[in-house]
N, C-alpha and C. Protein backbone atom coordinates (compact mmCIF):
# COMPACT_ATOMS: atom_id res chain seq x y z
N MET A 1 6.51 7.17 21.81
CA MET A 1 5.16 7.11 21.29
C MET A 1 4.22 7.72 22.34
N HIS A 2 3.29 8.51 21.84
CA HIS A 2 2.28 9.13 22.70
C HIS A 2 0.93 8.49 22.38
N GLU A 3 0.14 8.26 23.41
CA GLU A 3 -1.14 7.60 23.22
C GLU A 3 -2.21 8.28 24.05
N PHE A 4 -3.37 8.48 23.43
CA PHE A 4 -4.49 9.17 24.07
C PHE A 4 -5.77 8.42 23.76
N MET A 5 -6.81 8.75 24.51
CA MET A 5 -8.17 8.29 24.21
C MET A 5 -9.05 9.53 24.20
N ILE A 6 -9.79 9.71 23.11
CA ILE A 6 -10.75 10.81 23.00
C ILE A 6 -12.14 10.22 23.19
N HIS A 7 -12.90 10.83 24.12
CA HIS A 7 -14.24 10.36 24.47
C HIS A 7 -15.25 11.49 24.25
N PRO A 8 -16.51 11.15 23.99
CA PRO A 8 -17.55 12.17 24.03
C PRO A 8 -17.70 12.67 25.46
N LYS A 9 -17.78 13.95 25.65
CA LYS A 9 -17.92 14.52 27.00
C LYS A 9 -19.19 14.04 27.68
N LYS A 10 -20.23 13.82 26.91
CA LYS A 10 -21.53 13.39 27.45
C LYS A 10 -21.55 11.90 27.77
N GLY A 11 -20.50 11.17 27.42
CA GLY A 11 -20.49 9.72 27.59
C GLY A 11 -21.04 9.05 26.34
N GLY A 12 -21.08 7.74 26.36
CA GLY A 12 -21.59 7.00 25.21
C GLY A 12 -20.62 7.00 24.05
N GLU A 13 -21.16 7.07 22.85
CA GLU A 13 -20.36 7.03 21.63
C GLU A 13 -20.55 8.31 20.83
N PHE A 14 -19.56 8.62 19.97
CA PHE A 14 -19.72 9.74 19.06
C PHE A 14 -20.78 9.37 18.02
N GLY A 15 -21.48 10.38 17.53
CA GLY A 15 -22.56 10.14 16.58
C GLY A 15 -22.22 10.35 15.12
N PHE A 16 -20.97 10.72 14.81
CA PHE A 16 -20.67 10.98 13.41
C PHE A 16 -20.26 9.69 12.69
N PRO A 17 -20.63 9.57 11.41
CA PRO A 17 -20.36 8.34 10.67
C PRO A 17 -18.92 8.24 10.16
N PHE A 18 -18.53 7.04 9.81
CA PHE A 18 -17.20 6.75 9.26
C PHE A 18 -16.87 7.66 8.08
N ALA A 19 -17.85 7.97 7.26
CA ALA A 19 -17.63 8.80 6.06
C ALA A 19 -17.13 10.20 6.41
N ARG A 20 -17.30 10.64 7.64
CA ARG A 20 -16.87 11.99 8.05
C ARG A 20 -15.55 12.00 8.79
N TYR A 21 -14.91 10.86 8.99
CA TYR A 21 -13.68 10.80 9.76
C TYR A 21 -12.63 11.79 9.26
N SER A 22 -12.41 11.84 7.95
CA SER A 22 -11.35 12.72 7.43
C SER A 22 -11.65 14.19 7.68
N GLU A 23 -12.91 14.55 7.79
CA GLU A 23 -13.31 15.93 8.08
C GLU A 23 -13.22 16.24 9.57
N VAL A 24 -13.51 15.26 10.40
CA VAL A 24 -13.65 15.46 11.84
C VAL A 24 -12.35 15.18 12.61
N LEU A 25 -11.65 14.11 12.26
CA LEU A 25 -10.48 13.68 13.02
C LEU A 25 -9.20 14.35 12.53
N LYS A 26 -9.12 15.64 12.81
CA LYS A 26 -7.94 16.43 12.48
C LYS A 26 -7.93 17.65 13.40
N PRO A 27 -6.75 18.23 13.61
CA PRO A 27 -6.70 19.41 14.50
C PRO A 27 -7.36 20.62 13.86
N SER A 28 -8.00 21.43 14.69
CA SER A 28 -8.75 22.58 14.20
C SER A 28 -7.86 23.70 13.67
N ASP A 29 -6.73 23.92 14.28
CA ASP A 29 -5.92 25.09 13.91
C ASP A 29 -4.45 24.77 13.67
N ILE A 30 -4.16 23.51 13.40
CA ILE A 30 -2.78 23.08 13.13
C ILE A 30 -2.80 22.36 11.79
N PRO A 31 -1.94 22.76 10.84
CA PRO A 31 -1.95 22.09 9.54
C PRO A 31 -1.72 20.59 9.65
N SER A 32 -2.50 19.84 8.88
CA SER A 32 -2.38 18.39 8.83
C SER A 32 -2.72 17.93 7.43
N ARG A 33 -2.34 16.69 7.14
CA ARG A 33 -2.74 16.11 5.86
C ARG A 33 -3.11 14.66 6.09
N PRO A 34 -4.08 14.15 5.32
CA PRO A 34 -4.46 12.75 5.47
C PRO A 34 -3.31 11.84 5.04
N SER A 35 -3.15 10.72 5.73
CA SER A 35 -2.12 9.75 5.37
C SER A 35 -2.72 8.51 4.73
N ASN A 36 -4.05 8.40 4.73
CA ASN A 36 -4.72 7.31 4.01
C ASN A 36 -6.08 7.81 3.56
N GLU A 37 -6.73 7.05 2.75
CA GLU A 37 -7.99 7.49 2.17
C GLU A 37 -9.19 7.37 3.10
N HIS A 38 -9.04 6.69 4.22
CA HIS A 38 -10.17 6.45 5.12
C HIS A 38 -10.30 7.49 6.22
N GLY A 39 -9.31 8.36 6.39
CA GLY A 39 -9.37 9.36 7.45
C GLY A 39 -8.97 8.82 8.80
N THR A 40 -8.35 7.64 8.84
CA THR A 40 -7.94 7.07 10.11
C THR A 40 -6.46 7.30 10.41
N ARG A 41 -5.78 8.01 9.54
CA ARG A 41 -4.37 8.39 9.75
C ARG A 41 -4.15 9.79 9.19
N ILE A 42 -3.42 10.60 9.96
CA ILE A 42 -3.04 11.93 9.48
C ILE A 42 -1.57 12.15 9.82
N THR A 43 -0.99 13.12 9.14
CA THR A 43 0.37 13.55 9.46
C THR A 43 0.31 15.00 9.92
N VAL A 44 0.91 15.25 11.08
CA VAL A 44 0.96 16.59 11.65
C VAL A 44 2.39 16.83 12.11
N GLU A 45 3.00 17.89 11.59
CA GLU A 45 4.36 18.27 11.99
C GLU A 45 5.33 17.10 11.92
N GLY A 46 5.19 16.29 10.89
CA GLY A 46 6.08 15.16 10.67
C GLY A 46 5.73 13.91 11.45
N ALA A 47 4.71 13.97 12.27
CA ALA A 47 4.29 12.81 13.07
C ALA A 47 3.12 12.10 12.40
N GLU A 48 3.21 10.79 12.30
CA GLU A 48 2.11 9.97 11.80
C GLU A 48 1.20 9.64 12.98
N ILE A 49 -0.08 9.98 12.84
CA ILE A 49 -1.05 9.78 13.91
C ILE A 49 -2.14 8.85 13.41
N SER A 50 -2.43 7.80 14.19
CA SER A 50 -3.49 6.88 13.80
C SER A 50 -4.66 6.99 14.77
N PHE A 51 -5.85 6.73 14.24
CA PHE A 51 -7.08 6.72 15.02
C PHE A 51 -7.70 5.34 14.95
N SER A 52 -8.05 4.80 16.09
CA SER A 52 -8.72 3.51 16.15
C SER A 52 -10.07 3.72 16.82
N ASP A 53 -11.12 3.38 16.11
CA ASP A 53 -12.48 3.56 16.61
C ASP A 53 -12.76 2.49 17.67
N GLU A 54 -12.90 2.91 18.90
CA GLU A 54 -13.19 2.01 20.01
C GLU A 54 -14.61 2.27 20.51
N GLN A 55 -15.13 1.39 21.31
CA GLN A 55 -16.51 1.53 21.80
C GLN A 55 -16.71 2.84 22.56
N SER A 56 -15.69 3.28 23.29
CA SER A 56 -15.85 4.48 24.12
C SER A 56 -15.28 5.74 23.49
N GLY A 57 -14.82 5.68 22.26
CA GLY A 57 -14.25 6.85 21.60
C GLY A 57 -13.18 6.45 20.61
N PHE A 58 -12.13 7.27 20.52
CA PHE A 58 -11.05 7.01 19.58
C PHE A 58 -9.71 6.91 20.31
N GLN A 59 -9.01 5.83 20.06
CA GLN A 59 -7.63 5.72 20.52
C GLN A 59 -6.79 6.49 19.51
N VAL A 60 -5.93 7.36 20.00
CA VAL A 60 -5.07 8.19 19.16
C VAL A 60 -3.63 7.84 19.49
N VAL A 61 -2.87 7.40 18.48
CA VAL A 61 -1.49 6.98 18.70
C VAL A 61 -0.58 7.78 17.77
N PHE A 62 0.42 8.41 18.35
CA PHE A 62 1.47 9.09 17.58
C PHE A 62 2.51 8.02 17.27
N GLU A 63 2.47 7.49 16.05
CA GLU A 63 3.28 6.33 15.70
C GLU A 63 4.69 6.67 15.27
N SER A 64 4.91 7.89 14.86
CA SER A 64 6.26 8.30 14.45
C SER A 64 6.43 9.78 14.75
N GLY A 65 7.63 10.26 14.56
CA GLY A 65 7.91 11.67 14.82
C GLY A 65 8.58 11.84 16.17
N SER A 66 8.99 13.06 16.41
CA SER A 66 9.72 13.35 17.65
C SER A 66 9.07 14.48 18.44
N LEU A 67 7.76 14.52 18.43
CA LEU A 67 7.05 15.57 19.16
C LEU A 67 7.17 15.33 20.67
N THR A 68 7.23 16.41 21.41
CA THR A 68 7.22 16.30 22.86
C THR A 68 5.82 15.87 23.32
N SER A 69 5.74 15.39 24.53
CA SER A 69 4.47 15.02 25.11
C SER A 69 3.53 16.22 25.16
N GLU A 70 4.08 17.38 25.49
CA GLU A 70 3.26 18.60 25.56
C GLU A 70 2.69 18.97 24.20
N ARG A 71 3.51 18.85 23.14
CA ARG A 71 3.03 19.19 21.80
C ARG A 71 1.99 18.18 21.33
N ALA A 72 2.21 16.91 21.62
CA ALA A 72 1.22 15.89 21.26
C ALA A 72 -0.11 16.18 21.94
N GLU A 73 -0.06 16.57 23.21
CA GLU A 73 -1.28 16.91 23.93
C GLU A 73 -1.98 18.12 23.31
N GLN A 74 -1.22 19.13 22.87
CA GLN A 74 -1.81 20.29 22.20
C GLN A 74 -2.52 19.88 20.92
N ILE A 75 -1.93 18.96 20.18
CA ILE A 75 -2.54 18.49 18.93
C ILE A 75 -3.84 17.74 19.23
N VAL A 76 -3.84 16.89 20.23
CA VAL A 76 -5.06 16.15 20.59
C VAL A 76 -6.14 17.11 21.08
N ALA A 77 -5.77 18.12 21.83
CA ALA A 77 -6.75 19.13 22.27
C ALA A 77 -7.36 19.84 21.05
N ALA A 78 -6.54 20.10 20.03
CA ALA A 78 -7.04 20.74 18.81
C ALA A 78 -7.95 19.79 18.03
N ILE A 79 -7.69 18.49 18.09
CA ILE A 79 -8.59 17.52 17.46
C ILE A 79 -9.93 17.52 18.18
N CYS A 80 -9.91 17.56 19.50
CA CYS A 80 -11.15 17.64 20.28
C CYS A 80 -11.94 18.90 19.92
N SER A 81 -11.23 19.99 19.77
CA SER A 81 -11.88 21.25 19.39
C SER A 81 -12.54 21.13 18.01
N ASN A 82 -11.85 20.47 17.08
CA ASN A 82 -12.41 20.29 15.74
C ASN A 82 -13.64 19.39 15.78
N ILE A 83 -13.60 18.33 16.59
CA ILE A 83 -14.76 17.46 16.71
C ILE A 83 -15.99 18.28 17.13
N GLN A 84 -15.81 19.15 18.13
CA GLN A 84 -16.93 19.96 18.59
C GLN A 84 -17.38 20.96 17.52
N THR A 85 -16.43 21.59 16.85
CA THR A 85 -16.77 22.58 15.82
C THR A 85 -17.55 21.95 14.67
N VAL A 86 -17.11 20.80 14.22
CA VAL A 86 -17.72 20.17 13.04
C VAL A 86 -19.01 19.43 13.37
N THR A 87 -19.06 18.77 14.53
CA THR A 87 -20.21 17.91 14.84
C THR A 87 -21.14 18.45 15.91
N GLY A 88 -20.66 19.42 16.71
CA GLY A 88 -21.45 19.92 17.82
C GLY A 88 -21.31 19.07 19.08
N GLU A 89 -20.56 17.97 19.00
CA GLU A 89 -20.34 17.08 20.15
C GLU A 89 -19.06 17.46 20.88
N ALA A 90 -19.15 17.78 22.14
CA ALA A 90 -17.96 18.10 22.93
C ALA A 90 -17.16 16.82 23.17
N ALA A 91 -15.82 16.96 23.13
CA ALA A 91 -14.94 15.82 23.31
C ALA A 91 -13.89 16.14 24.38
N VAL A 92 -13.49 15.11 25.11
CA VAL A 92 -12.44 15.22 26.11
C VAL A 92 -11.42 14.11 25.83
N TYR A 93 -10.23 14.23 26.42
CA TYR A 93 -9.21 13.22 26.18
C TYR A 93 -8.50 12.84 27.47
N VAL A 94 -7.89 11.66 27.42
CA VAL A 94 -7.07 11.14 28.50
C VAL A 94 -5.74 10.74 27.86
N GLN A 95 -4.64 11.12 28.49
CA GLN A 95 -3.33 10.74 27.97
C GLN A 95 -2.85 9.48 28.68
N TYR A 96 -2.40 8.49 27.91
CA TYR A 96 -1.91 7.24 28.49
C TYR A 96 -0.40 7.21 28.60
N THR A 97 0.30 7.73 27.61
CA THR A 97 1.77 7.72 27.65
C THR A 97 2.29 9.06 27.19
């Protein structure tokens, strides 16, 4: 399992509403599909990825699949890129596992 935290680069909290999660929380240039109706789970390359809204950003957990740590990191970087493209807010990440 791979685990990351995505934070706003400026600090604080992200400003986009829950209704935009499915548009924002996905990789910019890697095919993905929603795994639930709320936008808090997606599937990318056979991996189920969940997002948990935390006070300082989003916890991102690769709950299934056999992606390498490097590939998981590439996907999270692409999610950060999409956050900036869609919302204008720069995002950074920290890898935990």
